[in-house]
Amino acid sequence: MFQVGMVLLLLGGFCIYKSPWILRHMNRNDTQGVIMVKMIGMLLAFLAFWLILSGEIPQSMKFIRIFHRWRGVL
């Protein structure tokens, strides 16, 4: 789940910061489209954050351990 969370976090960030670019390539350039793409990006980022916290950190990435001490609390 950790790897899936990392991929979704990258996709969510891409949707949030590149929403005008995405819509320009889809030949749509309206305000509602930008808001919808940004909302999709935010939902992906929140889902990714939850997956990262609930997933097991891979052995090769043990140096990250952001919330290791508080694992039981979260």
PDB file of N, CA and C in Angstrom:
ATOM      1  N   MET A   1       0.820  -1.197   0.000  1.00  0.00           N
ATOM      2  CA  MET A   1       0.000   0.000   0.000  1.00  0.00           C
ATOM      3  C   MET A   1       0.864   1.261   0.000  1.00  0.00           C
ATOM      4  N   PHE A   2       2.068   1.134   0.538  1.00  0.00           N
ATOM      5  CA  PHE A   2       2.958   2.292   0.591  1.00  0.00           C
ATOM      6  C   PHE A   2       3.320   2.768  -0.814  1.00  0.00           C
ATOM      7  N   GLN A   3       3.650   1.835  -1.702  1.00  0.00           N
ATOM      8  CA  GLN A   3       4.027   2.208  -3.068  1.00  0.00           C
ATOM      9  C   GLN A   3       2.844   2.809  -3.817  1.00  0.00           C
ATOM     10  N   VAL A   4       1.661   2.245  -3.624  1.00  0.00           N
ATOM     11  CA  VAL A   4       0.463   2.790  -4.269  1.00  0.00           C
ATOM     12  C   VAL A   4       0.205   4.203  -3.766  1.00  0.00           C
ATOM     13  N   GLY A   5       0.394   4.417  -2.467  1.00  0.00           N
ATOM     14  CA  GLY A   5       0.224   5.752  -1.899  1.00  0.00           C
ATOM     15  C   GLY A   5       1.198   6.760  -2.485  1.00  0.00           C
ATOM     16  N   MET A   6       2.439   6.343  -2.683  1.00  0.00           N
ATOM     17  CA  MET A   6       3.428   7.256  -3.268  1.00  0.00           C
ATOM     18  C   MET A   6       3.063   7.620  -4.705  1.00  0.00           C
ATOM     19  N   VAL A   7       2.591   6.648  -5.475  1.00  0.00           N
ATOM     20  CA  VAL A   7       2.198   6.918  -6.861  1.00  0.00           C
ATOM     21  C   VAL A   7       0.990   7.847  -6.897  1.00  0.00           C
ATOM     22  N   LEU A   8      -0.005   7.590  -6.042  1.00  0.00           N
ATOM     23  CA  LEU A   8      -1.187   8.452  -6.005  1.00  0.00           C
ATOM     24  C   LEU A   8      -0.837   9.864  -5.546  1.00  0.00           C
ATOM     25  N   LEU A   9       0.128   9.981  -4.638  1.00  0.00           N
ATOM     26  CA  LEU A   9       0.552  11.308  -4.192  1.00  0.00           C
ATOM     27  C   LEU A   9       1.188  12.086  -5.339  1.00  0.00           C
ATOM     28  N   LEU A  10       1.998  11.424  -6.144  1.00  0.00           N
ATOM     29  CA  LEU A  10       2.589  12.086  -7.308  1.00  0.00           C
ATOM     30  C   LEU A  10       1.522  12.489  -8.322  1.00  0.00           C
ATOM     31  N   LEU A  11       0.559  11.599  -8.576  1.00  0.00           N
ATOM     32  CA  LEU A  11      -0.521  11.926  -9.515  1.00  0.00           C
ATOM     33  C   LEU A  11      -1.387  13.071  -8.991  1.00  0.00           C
ATOM     34  N   GLY A  12      -1.683  13.055  -7.702  1.00  0.00           N
ATOM     35  CA  GLY A  12      -2.478  14.127  -7.117  1.00  0.00           C
ATOM     36  C   GLY A  12      -1.772  15.468  -7.199  1.00  0.00           C
ATOM     37  N   GLY A  13      -0.479  15.481  -6.903  1.00  0.00           N
ATOM     38  CA  GLY A  13       0.289  16.719  -7.017  1.00  0.00           C
ATOM     39  C   GLY A  13       0.362  17.221  -8.443  1.00  0.00           C
ATOM     40  N   PHE A  14       0.503  16.293  -9.382  1.00  0.00           N
ATOM     41  CA  PHE A  14       0.522  16.675 -10.791  1.00  0.00           C
ATOM     42  C   PHE A  14      -0.810  17.293 -11.198  1.00  0.00           C
ATOM     43  N   CYS A  15      -1.918  16.697 -10.760  1.00  0.00           N
ATOM     44  CA  CYS A  15      -3.247  17.239 -11.098  1.00  0.00           C
ATOM     45  C   CYS A  15      -3.455  18.621 -10.490  1.00  0.00           C
ATOM     46  N   ILE A  16      -2.969  18.827  -9.277  1.00  0.00           N
ATOM     47  CA  ILE A  16      -3.178  20.115  -8.611  1.00  0.00           C
ATOM     48  C   ILE A  16      -2.364  21.215  -9.286  1.00  0.00           C
ATOM     49  N   TYR A  17      -1.080  20.971  -9.497  1.00  0.00           N
ATOM     50  CA  TYR A  17      -0.210  22.033  -9.987  1.00  0.00           C
ATOM     51  C   TYR A  17      -0.227  22.214 -11.500  1.00  0.00           C
ATOM     52  N   LYS A  18      -0.635  21.205 -12.232  1.00  0.00           N
ATOM     53  CA  LYS A  18      -0.622  21.297 -13.693  1.00  0.00           C
ATOM     54  C   LYS A  18      -2.019  21.279 -14.291  1.00  0.00           C
ATOM     55  N   SER A  19      -3.033  21.669 -13.528  1.00  0.00           N
ATOM     56  CA  SER A  19      -4.408  21.600 -14.043  1.00  0.00           C
ATOM     57  C   SER A  19      -4.631  22.481 -15.276  1.00  0.00           C
ATOM     58  N   PRO A  20      -4.115  23.716 -15.357  1.00  0.00           N
ATOM     59  CA  PRO A  20      -4.299  24.472 -16.609  1.00  0.00           C
ATOM     60  C   PRO A  20      -3.620  23.793 -17.803  1.00  0.00           C
ATOM     61  N   TRP A  21      -2.450  23.205 -17.581  1.00  0.00           N
ATOM     62  CA  TRP A  21      -1.742  22.503 -18.643  1.00  0.00           C
ATOM     63  C   TRP A  21      -2.540  21.288 -19.114  1.00  0.00           C
ATOM     64  N   ILE A  22      -3.121  20.538 -18.159  1.00  0.00           N
ATOM     65  CA  ILE A  22      -3.925  19.357 -18.505  1.00  0.00           C
ATOM     66  C   ILE A  22      -5.121  19.767 -19.350  1.00  0.00           C
ATOM     67  N   LEU A  23      -5.817  20.821 -18.934  1.00  0.00           N
ATOM     68  CA  LEU A  23      -7.009  21.256 -19.662  1.00  0.00           C
ATOM     69  C   LEU A  23      -6.659  21.839 -21.030  1.00  0.00           C
ATOM     70  N   ARG A  24      -5.515  22.486 -21.148  1.00  0.00           N
ATOM     71  CA  ARG A  24      -5.095  23.023 -22.436  1.00  0.00           C
ATOM     72  C   ARG A  24      -4.863  21.897 -23.442  1.00  0.00           C
ATOM     73  N   HIS A  25      -4.313  20.777 -22.965  1.00  0.00           N
ATOM     74  CA  HIS A  25      -4.089  19.638 -23.854  1.00  0.00           C
ATOM     75  C   HIS A  25      -5.366  18.871 -24.159  1.00  0.00           C
ATOM     76  N   MET A  26      -6.412  19.088 -23.370  1.00  0.00           N
ATOM     77  CA  MET A  26      -7.718  18.478 -23.645  1.00  0.00           C
ATOM     78  C   MET A  26      -8.615  19.429 -24.438  1.00  0.00           C
ATOM     79  N   ASN A  27      -8.071  20.579 -24.842  1.00  0.00           N
ATOM     80  CA  ASN A  27      -8.804  21.618 -25.577  1.00  0.00           C
ATOM     81  C   ASN A  27     -10.008  22.143 -24.799  1.00  0.00           C
ATOM     82  N   ARG A  28      -9.873  22.229 -23.497  1.00  0.00           N
ATOM     83  CA  ARG A  28     -10.892  22.848 -22.640  1.00  0.00           C
ATOM     84  C   ARG A  28     -10.172  23.865 -21.770  1.00  0.00           C
ATOM     85  N   ASN A  29     -10.744  25.023 -21.628  1.00  0.00           N
ATOM     86  CA  ASN A  29     -10.093  26.046 -20.815  1.00  0.00           C
ATOM     87  C   ASN A  29     -11.159  26.856 -20.083  1.00  0.00           C
ATOM     88  N   ASP A  30     -11.862  26.210 -19.180  1.00  0.00           N
ATOM     89  CA  ASP A  30     -12.877  26.908 -18.409  1.00  0.00           C
ATOM     90  C   ASP A  30     -12.569  26.787 -16.917  1.00  0.00           C
ATOM     91  N   THR A  31     -13.161  27.660 -16.131  1.00  0.00           N
ATOM     92  CA  THR A  31     -12.890  27.706 -14.703  1.00  0.00           C
ATOM     93  C   THR A  31     -13.383  26.450 -14.000  1.00  0.00           C
ATOM     94  N   GLN A  32     -14.540  25.951 -14.397  1.00  0.00           N
ATOM     95  CA  GLN A  32     -15.071  24.748 -13.758  1.00  0.00           C
ATOM     96  C   GLN A  32     -14.171  23.542 -13.997  1.00  0.00           C
ATOM     97  N   GLY A  33     -13.583  23.461 -15.157  1.00  0.00           N
ATOM     98  CA  GLY A  33     -12.674  22.357 -15.450  1.00  0.00           C
ATOM     99  C   GLY A  33     -11.443  22.388 -14.562  1.00  0.00           C
ATOM    100  N   VAL A  34     -10.899  23.588 -14.349  1.00  0.00           N
ATOM    101  CA  VAL A  34      -9.727  23.730 -13.483  1.00  0.00           C
ATOM    102  C   VAL A  34     -10.073  23.312 -12.062  1.00  0.00           C
ATOM    103  N   ILE A  35     -11.236  23.749 -11.588  1.00  0.00           N
ATOM    104  CA  ILE A  35     -11.652  23.404 -10.225  1.00  0.00           C
ATOM    105  C   ILE A  35     -11.857  21.896 -10.091  1.00  0.00           C
ATOM    106  N   MET A  36     -12.464  21.274 -11.088  1.00  0.00           N
ATOM    107  CA  MET A  36     -12.699  19.829 -11.032  1.00  0.00           C
ATOM    108  C   MET A  36     -11.383  19.045 -11.035  1.00  0.00           C
ATOM    109  N   VAL A  37     -10.437  19.447 -11.869  1.00  0.00           N
ATOM    110  CA  VAL A  37      -9.150  18.747 -11.916  1.00  0.00           C
ATOM    111  C   VAL A  37      -8.407  18.928 -10.597  1.00  0.00           C
ATOM    112  N   LYS A  38      -8.468  20.124 -10.016  1.00  0.00           N
ATOM    113  CA  LYS A  38      -7.809  20.354  -8.726  1.00  0.00           C
ATOM    114  C   LYS A  38      -8.478  19.556  -7.609  1.00  0.00           C
ATOM    115  N   MET A  39      -9.803  19.431  -7.641  1.00  0.00           N
ATOM    116  CA  MET A  39     -10.505  18.631  -6.630  1.00  0.00           C
ATOM    117  C   MET A  39     -10.139  17.150  -6.753  1.00  0.00           C
ATOM    118  N   ILE A  40     -10.031  16.661  -7.978  1.00  0.00           N
ATOM    119  CA  ILE A  40      -9.608  15.274  -8.180  1.00  0.00           C
ATOM    120  C   ILE A  40      -8.195  15.078  -7.636  1.00  0.00           C
ATOM    121  N   GLY A  41      -7.321  16.050  -7.881  1.00  0.00           N
ATOM    122  CA  GLY A  41      -5.959  15.983  -7.354  1.00  0.00           C
ATOM    123  C   GLY A  41      -5.925  15.981  -5.840  1.00  0.00           C
ATOM    124  N   MET A  42      -6.772  16.793  -5.206  1.00  0.00           N
ATOM    125  CA  MET A  42      -6.826  16.826  -3.744  1.00  0.00           C
ATOM    126  C   MET A  42      -7.334  15.502  -3.185  1.00  0.00           C
ATOM    127  N   LEU A  43      -8.355  14.926  -3.810  1.00  0.00           N
ATOM    128  CA  LEU A  43      -8.860  13.629  -3.353  1.00  0.00           C
ATOM    129  C   LEU A  43      -7.793  12.543  -3.489  1.00  0.00           C
ATOM    130  N   LEU A  44      -7.055  12.567  -4.590  1.00  0.00           N
ATOM    131  CA  LEU A  44      -5.967  11.601  -4.763  1.00  0.00           C
ATOM    132  C   LEU A  44      -4.885  11.797  -3.700  1.00  0.00           C
ATOM    133  N   ALA A  45      -4.578  13.054  -3.382  1.00  0.00           N
ATOM    134  CA  ALA A  45      -3.551  13.330  -2.379  1.00  0.00           C
ATOM    135  C   ALA A  45      -3.996  12.875  -0.989  1.00  0.00           C
ATOM    136  N   PHE A  46      -5.262  13.107  -0.628  1.00  0.00           N
ATOM    137  CA  PHE A  46      -5.756  12.655   0.676  1.00  0.00           C
ATOM    138  C   PHE A  46      -5.781  11.129   0.763  1.00  0.00           C
ATOM    139  N   LEU A  47      -6.211  10.479  -0.313  1.00  0.00           N
ATOM    140  CA  LEU A  47      -6.206   9.019  -0.345  1.00  0.00           C
ATOM    141  C   LEU A  47      -4.777   8.489  -0.243  1.00  0.00           C
ATOM    142  N   ALA A  48      -3.857   9.136  -0.924  1.00  0.00           N
ATOM    143  CA  ALA A  48      -2.455   8.720  -0.882  1.00  0.00           C
ATOM    144  C   ALA A  48      -1.875   8.888   0.513  1.00  0.00           C
ATOM    145  N   PHE A  49      -2.198   9.991   1.188  1.00  0.00           N
ATOM    146  CA  PHE A  49      -1.703  10.221   2.545  1.00  0.00           C
ATOM    147  C   PHE A  49      -2.190   9.116   3.476  1.00  0.00           C
ATOM    148  N   TRP A  50      -3.465   8.730   3.342  1.00  0.00           N
ATOM    149  CA  TRP A  50      -4.020   7.664   4.172  1.00  0.00           C
ATOM    150  C   TRP A  50      -3.342   6.327   3.873  1.00  0.00           C
ATOM    151  N   LEU A  51      -3.109   6.040   2.598  1.00  0.00           N
ATOM    152  CA  LEU A  51      -2.454   4.782   2.231  1.00  0.00           C
ATOM    153  C   LEU A  51      -1.012   4.729   2.720  1.00  0.00           C
ATOM    154  N   ILE A  52      -0.319   5.859   2.665  1.00  0.00           N
ATOM    155  CA  ILE A  52       1.071   5.889   3.126  1.00  0.00           C
ATOM    156  C   ILE A  52       1.136   5.648   4.625  1.00  0.00           C
ATOM    157  N   LEU A  53       0.227   6.266   5.383  1.00  0.00           N
ATOM    158  CA  LEU A  53       0.247   6.077   6.832  1.00  0.00           C
ATOM    159  C   LEU A  53      -0.168   4.668   7.237  1.00  0.00           C
ATOM    160  N   SER A  54      -1.093   4.069   6.512  1.00  0.00           N
ATOM    161  CA  SER A  54      -1.569   2.740   6.894  1.00  0.00           C
ATOM    162  C   SER A  54      -0.738   1.617   6.291  1.00  0.00           C
ATOM    163  N   GLY A  55       0.099   1.920   5.324  1.00  0.00           N
ATOM    164  CA  GLY A  55       0.896   0.881   4.674  1.00  0.00           C
ATOM    165  C   GLY A  55       2.182   0.584   5.420  1.00  0.00           C
ATOM    166  N   GLU A  56       2.757  -0.544   5.113  1.00  0.00           N
ATOM    167  CA  GLU A  56       4.027  -0.948   5.705  1.00  0.00           C
ATOM    168  C   GLU A  56       5.163  -0.372   4.865  1.00  0.00           C
ATOM    169  N   ILE A  57       6.117   0.279   5.520  1.00  0.00           N
ATOM    170  CA  ILE A  57       7.244   0.886   4.812  1.00  0.00           C
ATOM    171  C   ILE A  57       8.161  -0.226   4.296  1.00  0.00           C
ATOM    172  N   PRO A  58       8.515  -0.212   3.002  1.00  0.00           N
ATOM    173  CA  PRO A  58       9.403  -1.251   2.459  1.00  0.00           C
ATOM    174  C   PRO A  58      10.774  -1.227   3.128  1.00  0.00           C
ATOM    175  N   GLN A  59      11.431  -2.370   3.136  1.00  0.00           N
ATOM    176  CA  GLN A  59      12.728  -2.508   3.794  1.00  0.00           C
ATOM    177  C   GLN A  59      13.759  -1.542   3.225  1.00  0.00           C
ATOM    178  N   SER A  60      13.701  -1.278   1.931  1.00  0.00           N
ATOM    179  CA  SER A  60      14.690  -0.397   1.313  1.00  0.00           C
ATOM    180  C   SER A  60      14.452   1.071   1.648  1.00  0.00           C
ATOM    181  N   MET A  61      13.294   1.401   2.229  1.00  0.00           N
ATOM    182  CA  MET A  61      12.980   2.797   2.547  1.00  0.00           C
ATOM    183  C   MET A  61      12.788   3.000   4.047  1.00  0.00           C
ATOM    184  N   LYS A  62      13.410   2.194   4.879  1.00  0.00           N
ATOM    185  CA  LYS A  62      13.251   2.301   6.327  1.00  0.00           C
ATOM    186  C   LYS A  62      13.822   3.609   6.876  1.00  0.00           C
ATOM    187  N   PHE A  63      14.670   4.290   6.112  1.00  0.00           N
ATOM    188  CA  PHE A  63      15.256   5.538   6.589  1.00  0.00           C
ATOM    189  C   PHE A  63      14.217   6.651   6.691  1.00  0.00           C
ATOM    190  N   ILE A  64      13.063   6.499   6.053  1.00  0.00           N
ATOM    191  CA  ILE A  64      12.042   7.549   6.092  1.00  0.00           C
ATOM    192  C   ILE A  64      11.393   7.606   7.470  1.00  0.00           C
ATOM    193  N   ARG A  65      10.734   6.563   7.904  1.00  0.00           N
ATOM    194  CA  ARG A  65      10.133   6.402   9.228  1.00  0.00           C
ATOM    195  C   ARG A  65       9.605   7.696   9.834  1.00  0.00           C
ATOM    196  N   ILE A  66       8.702   8.351   9.184  1.00  0.00           N
ATOM    197  CA  ILE A  66       8.200   9.639   9.646  1.00  0.00           C
ATOM    198  C   ILE A  66       7.444   9.499  10.965  1.00  0.00           C
ATOM    199  N   PHE A  67       6.490   8.589  11.017  1.00  0.00           N
ATOM    200  CA  PHE A  67       5.650   8.445  12.196  1.00  0.00           C
ATOM    201  C   PHE A  67       5.926   7.128  12.922  1.00  0.00           C
ATOM    202  N   HIS A  68       7.175   6.692  12.932  1.00  0.00           N
ATOM    203  CA  HIS A  68       7.490   5.367  13.470  1.00  0.00           C
ATOM    204  C   HIS A  68       7.169   5.260  14.962  1.00  0.00           C
ATOM    205  N   ARG A  69       7.517   6.253  15.757  1.00  0.00           N
ATOM    206  CA  ARG A  69       7.289   6.176  17.202  1.00  0.00           C
ATOM    207  C   ARG A  69       5.812   6.214  17.547  1.00  0.00           C
ATOM    208  N   TRP A  70       5.037   6.929  16.759  1.00  0.00           N
ATOM    209  CA  TRP A  70       3.621   7.098  17.053  1.00  0.00           C
ATOM    210  C   TRP A  70       2.767   6.137  16.244  1.00  0.00           C
ATOM    211  N   ARG A  71       3.321   5.025  15.823  1.00  0.00           N
ATOM    212  CA  ARG A  71       2.601   4.076  14.969  1.00  0.00           C
ATOM    213  C   ARG A  71       1.333   3.562  15.655  1.00  0.00           C
ATOM    214  N   GLY A  72       1.398   3.314  16.950  1.00  0.00           N
ATOM    215  CA  GLY A  72       0.224   2.827  17.665  1.00  0.00           C
ATOM    216  C   GLY A  72      -0.856   3.882  17.814  1.00  0.00           C
ATOM    217  N   VAL A  73      -0.473   5.142  17.851  1.00  0.00           N
ATOM    218  CA  VAL A  73      -1.436   6.232  18.009  1.00  0.00           C
ATOM    219  C   VAL A  73      -2.210   6.444  16.727  1.00  0.00           C
ATOM    220  N   LEU A  74      -1.523   6.378  15.580  1.00  0.00           N
ATOM    221  CA  LEU A  74      -2.190   6.595  14.311  1.00  0.00           C
ATOM    222  C   LEU A  74      -2.854   5.318  13.878  1.00  0.00           C
TER     223      LEU A  74
END
